[in-house]
Protein backbone atom coordinates (compact mmCIF):
# COMPACT_ATOMS: atom_id res chain seq x y z
CA MET A 1 -38.79 -24.87 -137.12
CA PRO A 2 -38.53 -27.42 -133.69
CA ASN A 3 -40.35 -30.66 -133.90
CA PRO A 4 -44.35 -30.27 -133.64
CA ALA A 5 -46.17 -30.94 -130.37
CA PRO A 6 -47.48 -34.40 -130.47
CA VAL A 7 -51.21 -34.63 -132.30
CA THR A 8 -53.69 -35.37 -129.53
CA PRO A 9 -57.22 -36.05 -129.27
CA ASP A 10 -58.19 -34.07 -126.23
CA ALA A 11 -57.16 -30.42 -125.53
CA PRO A 12 -53.72 -30.13 -124.28
CA ALA A 13 -54.54 -27.19 -121.82
CA ALA A 14 -57.59 -26.41 -120.17
CA ILE A 15 -58.99 -22.31 -120.51
CA ARG A 16 -60.15 -21.10 -117.24
CA MET A 17 -60.96 -17.53 -118.29
CA PRO A 18 -61.80 -17.90 -121.96
CA LEU A 19 -62.18 -15.07 -124.24
CA LEU A 20 -65.21 -16.42 -126.41
CA THR A 21 -67.30 -19.39 -125.55
CA GLN A 22 -69.69 -20.75 -128.71
CA GLN A 23 -71.14 -24.24 -130.26
CA TRP A 24 -70.09 -25.78 -133.38
CA LEU A 25 -72.91 -27.77 -134.78
CA ASP A 26 -73.73 -29.83 -137.90
CA LEU A 27 -70.17 -29.60 -139.28
CA ALA A 28 -69.26 -31.23 -142.47
CA PHE A 29 -65.09 -31.96 -142.90
CA ILE A 30 -64.03 -32.26 -146.41
CA HIS A 31 -60.14 -32.39 -147.25
CA TRP A 32 -57.91 -32.54 -150.12
CA SER A 33 -54.04 -33.52 -149.81
CA VAL A 34 -51.84 -30.77 -151.46
CA GLU A 35 -48.15 -30.14 -151.84
CA PRO A 36 -46.76 -27.90 -148.80
CA GLU A 37 -45.35 -25.80 -151.06
CA VAL A 38 -48.07 -25.37 -153.26
CA VAL A 39 -49.72 -23.66 -149.44
CA ALA A 40 -46.29 -22.10 -147.95
CA GLY A 41 -46.90 -18.98 -149.58
CA LEU A 42 -50.37 -18.26 -148.04
CA LEU A 43 -49.14 -18.86 -144.40
CA PRO A 44 -48.51 -16.09 -141.97
CA ARG A 45 -44.78 -15.58 -141.31
CA GLY A 46 -43.31 -17.80 -138.78
CA THR A 47 -45.24 -20.71 -139.52
CA VAL A 48 -44.87 -23.57 -142.05
CA PRO A 49 -47.20 -26.08 -143.51
CA ASP A 50 -47.85 -28.86 -141.04
CA THR A 51 -48.04 -32.15 -142.86
CA HIS A 52 -48.76 -35.60 -142.31
CA ASP A 53 -46.66 -38.39 -144.10
CA GLY A 54 -45.15 -35.67 -146.02
CA VAL A 55 -48.24 -34.03 -147.41
CA THR A 56 -50.72 -31.48 -146.26
CA TYR A 57 -54.38 -30.68 -146.55
CA VAL A 58 -56.78 -27.83 -147.81
CA GLY A 59 -60.03 -28.00 -145.36
CA LEU A 60 -63.50 -26.95 -146.65
CA VAL A 61 -65.45 -26.97 -143.29
CA ALA A 62 -69.20 -26.23 -143.01
CA PHE A 63 -71.00 -25.79 -140.34
CA ARG A 64 -73.32 -24.11 -137.76
CA MET A 65 -72.04 -21.18 -135.21
CA HIS A 66 -74.42 -21.52 -132.15
CA ARG A 67 -74.73 -19.12 -129.47
CA VAL A 68 -71.64 -17.21 -129.36
CA GLY A 69 -70.72 -15.26 -126.44
CA TRP A 70 -68.01 -13.10 -124.90
CA LEU A 71 -66.30 -14.14 -121.96
CA ARG A 72 -68.29 -16.03 -119.14
CA LEU A 73 -71.92 -14.02 -120.43
CA PRO A 74 -74.28 -16.28 -121.99
CA GLY A 75 -74.08 -16.63 -125.91
CA VAL A 76 -75.90 -14.65 -128.11
CA PRO A 77 -79.11 -16.50 -129.43
CA TYR A 78 -79.23 -14.51 -132.95
CA LEU A 79 -76.50 -12.17 -133.53
CA GLY A 80 -74.50 -15.53 -131.88
CA THR A 81 -75.88 -18.02 -134.62
CA PHE A 82 -75.52 -18.91 -137.98
CA PRO A 83 -73.95 -20.97 -140.59
CA GLU A 84 -70.36 -20.53 -141.27
CA THR A 85 -68.05 -21.88 -144.10
CA ASN A 86 -64.29 -21.78 -144.11
CA VAL A 87 -61.35 -22.56 -146.33
CA ARG A 88 -58.54 -23.75 -144.06
CA LEU A 89 -54.92 -24.52 -144.65
CA TYR A 90 -52.80 -26.60 -141.66
CA SER A 91 -49.97 -24.92 -139.44
CA VAL A 92 -47.09 -25.52 -137.27
CA ASP A 93 -44.95 -22.58 -135.74
CA ALA A 94 -41.71 -22.14 -133.76
CA HIS A 95 -42.84 -23.23 -130.72
CA GLY A 96 -44.42 -26.53 -132.13
CA ARG A 97 -48.14 -25.54 -131.68
CA ARG A 98 -49.85 -27.08 -134.29
CA GLY A 99 -52.95 -25.10 -135.75
CA VAL A 100 -54.95 -24.09 -138.58
CA VAL A 101 -54.87 -21.06 -140.64
CA PHE A 102 -58.09 -19.11 -142.40
CA ARG A 103 -58.06 -18.23 -145.65
CA SER A 104 -61.65 -17.61 -145.95
CA MET A 105 -64.51 -17.40 -143.38
CA ASP A 106 -68.23 -16.94 -144.99
CA ALA A 107 -70.66 -16.36 -142.79
CA SER A 108 -74.59 -14.95 -142.26
CA ARG A 109 -74.44 -12.43 -140.20
CA LEU A 110 -73.20 -8.68 -140.97
CA ILE A 111 -72.21 -7.56 -137.64
CA PRO A 112 -70.30 -10.54 -136.74
CA VAL A 113 -68.39 -10.67 -140.08
CA LEU A 114 -67.57 -6.89 -139.12
CA MET A 115 -66.39 -7.89 -135.50
CA GLY A 116 -64.46 -10.87 -136.88
CA ARG A 117 -62.76 -8.71 -139.62
CA VAL A 118 -61.97 -5.41 -137.42
CA GLY A 119 -61.59 -7.10 -134.12
CA PHE A 120 -59.72 -10.46 -135.11
CA ARG A 121 -58.25 -9.79 -138.62
CA LEU A 122 -59.65 -12.84 -139.59
CA PRO A 123 -61.05 -13.00 -143.60
CA TYR A 124 -64.64 -12.99 -142.63
CA LEU A 125 -66.85 -12.65 -145.81
CA TRP A 126 -70.79 -11.81 -145.59
CA SER A 127 -72.81 -14.40 -147.36
CA ARG A 128 -76.50 -15.40 -148.07
CA MET A 129 -76.29 -19.10 -146.42
CA ALA A 130 -78.66 -22.08 -144.98
CA VAL A 131 -77.87 -25.69 -143.27
CA ARG A 132 -80.83 -27.99 -144.22
CA THR A 133 -81.19 -31.41 -142.65
CA ALA A 134 -83.13 -34.34 -144.45
CA GLY A 135 -83.06 -37.57 -142.51
CA ASP A 136 -79.14 -38.65 -142.74
CA THR A 137 -78.41 -35.98 -145.30
CA VAL A 138 -77.19 -32.49 -144.39
CA THR A 139 -77.02 -29.71 -147.06
CA TYR A 140 -74.97 -26.55 -146.35
CA THR A 141 -75.44 -23.61 -149.05
CA SER A 142 -73.38 -20.04 -149.48
CA SER A 143 -73.50 -17.42 -152.01
CA ARG A 144 -70.94 -14.26 -150.91
CA ARG A 145 -72.13 -10.65 -150.83
CA TRP A 146 -69.56 -8.60 -149.36
CA PRO A 147 -66.16 -7.96 -150.13
CA GLY A 148 -66.08 -10.53 -152.72
CA PRO A 149 -65.58 -11.89 -155.06
CA ARG A 150 -68.81 -11.94 -156.19
CA GLY A 151 -69.88 -15.68 -157.53
CA ALA A 152 -68.12 -17.70 -154.93
CA ALA A 153 -70.39 -19.93 -153.62
CA SER A 154 -71.27 -23.46 -152.77
CA ARG A 155 -73.46 -26.18 -152.56
CA ILE A 156 -72.56 -29.34 -150.11
CA THR A 157 -74.70 -32.57 -149.35
CA VAL A 158 -73.43 -35.16 -147.41
CA ARG A 159 -74.62 -38.41 -146.06
CA THR A 160 -74.04 -39.19 -142.41
CA GLY A 161 -73.16 -43.16 -141.66
CA GLU A 162 -71.46 -44.79 -138.68
CA PRO A 163 -69.81 -43.62 -135.74
CA ILE A 164 -65.65 -44.07 -135.62
CA GLU A 165 -64.90 -45.59 -132.43
CA GLU A 166 -61.48 -44.95 -133.11
CA PRO A 167 -60.64 -42.41 -135.97
CA THR A 168 -57.03 -43.12 -137.88
CA GLU A 169 -53.95 -40.85 -137.33
CA LEU A 170 -54.73 -38.75 -140.33
CA GLU A 171 -58.94 -38.03 -138.94
CA HIS A 172 -57.18 -36.89 -136.04
CA PHE A 173 -54.65 -34.72 -137.65
CA LEU A 174 -57.54 -33.13 -139.21
CA THR A 175 -59.97 -32.12 -136.66
CA ALA A 176 -57.78 -32.06 -133.57
CA ARG A 177 -56.67 -28.39 -134.09
CA TRP A 178 -55.86 -26.42 -131.02
CA GLY A 179 -55.31 -23.48 -132.37
CA MET A 180 -54.97 -21.12 -134.90
CA HIS A 181 -52.14 -18.90 -136.13
CA ASN A 182 -52.99 -15.06 -137.41
CA ALA A 183 -51.84 -11.73 -137.07
CA PHE A 184 -54.34 -10.73 -134.77
CA PHE A 185 -52.45 -7.19 -133.85
CA GLY A 186 -50.65 -4.90 -135.59
CA GLY A 187 -49.02 -5.53 -139.34
CA PRO A 188 -48.60 -9.14 -141.01
CA GLU A 189 -45.69 -9.88 -138.64
CA ALA A 190 -47.48 -9.41 -135.79
CA LEU A 191 -48.17 -13.57 -135.91
CA ALA A 192 -50.29 -15.06 -132.62
CA TYR A 193 -51.77 -18.27 -131.86
CA LEU A 194 -55.57 -18.11 -130.40
CA PRO A 195 -55.93 -21.87 -128.69
CA ASN A 196 -59.37 -23.30 -128.23
CA HIS A 197 -60.45 -26.11 -126.36
CA HIS A 198 -63.61 -28.39 -126.42
CA PRO A 199 -64.43 -32.43 -125.79
CA ARG A 200 -63.10 -35.20 -128.08
CA TRP A 201 -64.65 -34.92 -131.07
CA PRO A 202 -67.56 -37.49 -132.06
CA LEU A 203 -66.86 -38.23 -135.56
CA TYR A 204 -69.13 -40.23 -137.98
CA ARG A 205 -68.21 -41.47 -141.76
CA ALA A 206 -69.68 -39.17 -144.22
CA GLU A 207 -70.53 -39.64 -148.09
CA LEU A 208 -69.76 -36.63 -150.04
CA ILE A 209 -73.40 -36.41 -152.25
CA THR A 210 -72.89 -33.29 -153.57
CA CYS A 211 -69.86 -30.48 -153.67
CA GLU A 212 -70.25 -27.42 -155.91
CA GLU A 213 -67.78 -25.03 -155.08
CA ASN A 214 -65.50 -22.21 -156.01
CA LEU A 215 -64.31 -21.18 -152.44
CA VAL A 216 -61.21 -22.97 -152.62
CA ALA A 217 -60.39 -21.02 -156.00
CA ALA A 218 -61.56 -17.70 -154.59
CA ALA A 219 -59.17 -18.21 -151.30
CA GLY A 220 -56.15 -17.92 -153.73
CA LEU A 221 -55.53 -21.64 -153.65
CA PRO A 222 -55.69 -24.29 -156.35
CA ALA A 223 -59.54 -25.80 -157.51
CA PRO A 224 -59.52 -28.97 -156.10
CA SER A 225 -59.46 -31.19 -159.45
CA ASP A 226 -59.57 -35.12 -157.89
CA ALA A 227 -62.45 -36.47 -155.04
CA PRO A 228 -61.25 -35.58 -151.14
CA VAL A 229 -58.88 -37.95 -149.26
CA SER A 230 -61.03 -37.49 -146.07
CA VAL A 231 -65.09 -36.59 -145.59
CA LEU A 232 -66.15 -36.58 -142.04
CA TYR A 233 -69.23 -35.47 -140.11
CA SER A 234 -69.78 -34.35 -136.35
CA PRO A 235 -72.57 -33.29 -134.93
CA GLY A 236 -70.34 -31.19 -132.76
CA VAL A 237 -69.08 -29.58 -129.60
CA PRO A 238 -69.16 -26.61 -127.13
CA VAL A 239 -66.04 -24.89 -127.40
CA ARG A 240 -64.17 -22.06 -125.42
CA LEU A 241 -61.48 -19.59 -126.90
CA GLY A 242 -58.91 -18.36 -125.08
CA ARG A 243 -56.84 -15.67 -125.54
CA PRO A 244 -54.54 -14.49 -128.46
CA ALA A 245 -50.83 -15.34 -127.31
CA ARG A 246 -47.64 -13.65 -129.10
CA PRO A 247 -45.27 -15.73 -130.32
CA ALA A 248 -43.10 -15.71 -127.30
CA GLY A 249 -46.40 -17.47 -125.81
CA ILE A 250 -47.40 -14.67 -123.53
CA PRO A 251 -50.57 -14.20 -123.24
CA THR A 252 -52.11 -10.48 -124.18
CA PRO A 253 -53.42 -7.98 -122.15
């Protein structure tokens, strides 16, 4: 693998003709450190764990998806608006492109779940979910419905703190991810990279009040045994997703 591209707080390239538009709102970023060899076998062929100071990370990210829209069409208010909670890993490919790999993506709207699974081969799962705000605390709940495993659930509460004027290198590494790696086309070897673009994250310190979850273990990873190394909150950003690019970096038709 070549040297990874630099971590940049701003998107490296504009997306003039988006495949999808959406907003990611009220995000809680919770991360645990893990040795790269623990997760290497869970990444798509053609990628390796992306590391910071020799370790990589497992992320549990809870948020509200808002008004998903195709191309330049207006976002859909009901079907395109729902809570979501992801378990993700950090990856880099042979072109040095840093990204994320989703191990599970719980969402509360069945039609987007089916579209994500069939159309994009993403690990979407249908769950009962809610996001509730009370003062400076946000609570995210999920309970998996289909396809399982049944009993996979989470209850996360964070208290937001002070805004972060200048994120650390690790905070940029965990949040400034400008694409995802996935086998969107064909078999498991058909690795592709789907870029995204959004404004620089507005980040806040956050305190983890409650974290009762088994989503990480249900995603095939060791259950966290220690406190997370990073807890952040963001009110959110508008997002544009580009077309998946094949390994050679050529956009698909």
